[in-house]
Amino acid sequence: MLDTIRQLTRTLKLKDLIIANFIPEESARSVERRAAWSAEEDAWLVPKLELSGNSLNRNNLNRPISSSKLRRPETEFARQRKQYDSNPR
């Protein structure tokens, strides 16, 4: 049991060190504020934010419209360039 406590203490210190050195302080505090203990699951739960990461400004993306003949969307520039150069890059 003592070995388990020591191992858990080492793991906790490592995670604290990683958080202190690689995660902005304000972000770490925000996660701590949002976290809630679930007695049913016996774990901490952190609810997802509505506007985070890739979900920001999803409605404002202007992606090229795919043609039914093409495998993936292409810009007009890429279509014109394909006439002169067969290299897709």
Protein backbone atom coordinates (compact mmCIF):
# COMPACT_ATOMS: atom_id res chain seq x y z
CA MET A 1 0.00 0.00 0.00
CA LEU A 2 2.89 2.34 0.76
CA ASP A 3 4.35 1.67 -2.71
CA THR A 4 1.02 2.58 -4.26
CA ILE A 5 0.90 5.86 -2.34
CA ARG A 6 4.45 6.71 -3.43
CA GLN A 7 3.68 5.90 -7.06
CA LEU A 8 0.52 8.03 -6.98
CA THR A 9 2.44 10.89 -5.35
CA ARG A 10 5.11 10.73 -8.10
CA THR A 11 2.42 10.71 -10.79
CA LEU A 12 0.66 13.67 -9.21
CA LYS A 13 3.91 15.66 -8.97
CA LEU A 14 4.67 14.93 -12.65
CA LYS A 15 1.21 16.07 -13.74
CA ASP A 16 1.47 19.22 -11.62
CA LEU A 17 4.86 19.97 -13.18
CA ILE A 18 3.50 19.52 -16.69
CA ILE A 19 0.50 21.76 -15.96
CA ALA A 20 2.70 24.44 -14.38
CA ASN A 21 5.14 24.55 -17.31
CA PHE A 22 3.05 23.88 -20.40
CA ILE A 23 -0.50 25.09 -19.76
CA PRO A 24 -1.29 28.80 -19.37
CA GLU A 25 -2.22 29.63 -15.79
CA GLU A 26 -5.59 31.13 -16.71
CA SER A 27 -6.56 28.01 -18.69
CA ALA A 28 -5.62 25.74 -15.81
CA ARG A 29 -7.73 27.82 -13.41
CA SER A 30 -10.64 27.73 -15.85
CA VAL A 31 -10.54 23.93 -15.98
CA GLU A 32 -10.36 23.74 -12.18
CA ARG A 33 -13.42 26.02 -11.85
CA ARG A 34 -15.46 23.96 -14.31
CA ALA A 35 -14.49 20.55 -12.91
CA ALA A 36 -17.07 18.75 -10.78
CA TRP A 37 -16.79 15.53 -8.80
CA SER A 38 -19.20 12.77 -9.80
CA ALA A 39 -19.85 10.34 -6.96
CA GLU A 40 -21.65 7.99 -9.34
CA GLU A 41 -18.66 7.64 -11.66
CA ASP A 42 -16.11 8.19 -8.87
CA ALA A 43 -14.20 10.64 -11.08
CA TRP A 44 -13.82 14.31 -11.91
CA LEU A 45 -15.88 15.50 -14.88
CA VAL A 46 -15.00 18.58 -16.94
CA PRO A 47 -17.89 19.75 -19.13
CA LYS A 48 -16.97 20.77 -22.67
CA LEU A 49 -17.01 24.42 -23.67
CA GLU A 50 -19.37 25.45 -26.44
CA LEU A 51 -16.85 27.69 -28.17
CA SER A 52 -13.45 26.05 -28.08
CA GLY A 53 -10.88 24.85 -30.58
CA ASN A 54 -12.24 24.08 -34.02
CA SER A 55 -15.84 24.93 -33.20
CA LEU A 56 -15.10 28.68 -33.20
CA ASN A 57 -16.65 30.51 -36.14
CA ARG A 58 -17.84 27.31 -37.80
CA ASN A 59 -20.56 29.24 -39.60
CA ASN A 60 -18.11 31.70 -41.13
CA LEU A 61 -16.00 29.17 -43.03
CA ASN A 62 -15.99 29.67 -46.77
CA ARG A 63 -14.98 26.31 -48.16
CA PRO A 64 -14.98 25.50 -51.85
CA ILE A 65 -18.09 23.73 -53.07
CA SER A 66 -17.39 20.22 -54.27
CA SER A 67 -18.33 19.17 -57.75
CA SER A 68 -20.01 15.82 -58.26
CA LYS A 69 -17.19 14.84 -60.66
CA LEU A 70 -14.36 15.59 -58.24
CA ARG A 71 -13.15 13.45 -55.35
CA ARG A 72 -12.71 16.44 -53.01
CA PRO A 73 -13.37 20.19 -53.02
CA GLU A 74 -11.08 22.31 -55.21
CA THR A 75 -10.64 26.02 -55.51
CA GLU A 76 -10.98 27.79 -58.82
CA PHE A 77 -7.24 28.54 -58.73
CA ALA A 78 -6.45 24.82 -58.35
CA ARG A 79 -8.68 23.98 -61.31
CA GLN A 80 -6.95 26.57 -63.51
CA ARG A 81 -3.49 25.51 -62.32
CA LYS A 82 -4.27 21.87 -63.20
CA GLN A 83 -4.34 22.86 -66.89
CA TYR A 84 -0.68 23.88 -66.81
CA ASP A 85 0.85 21.62 -64.17
CA SER A 86 -0.17 18.03 -63.40
CA ASN A 87 1.49 18.10 -59.97
CA PRO A 88 -1.30 18.66 -57.41
CA ARG A 89 1.06 20.39 -54.99
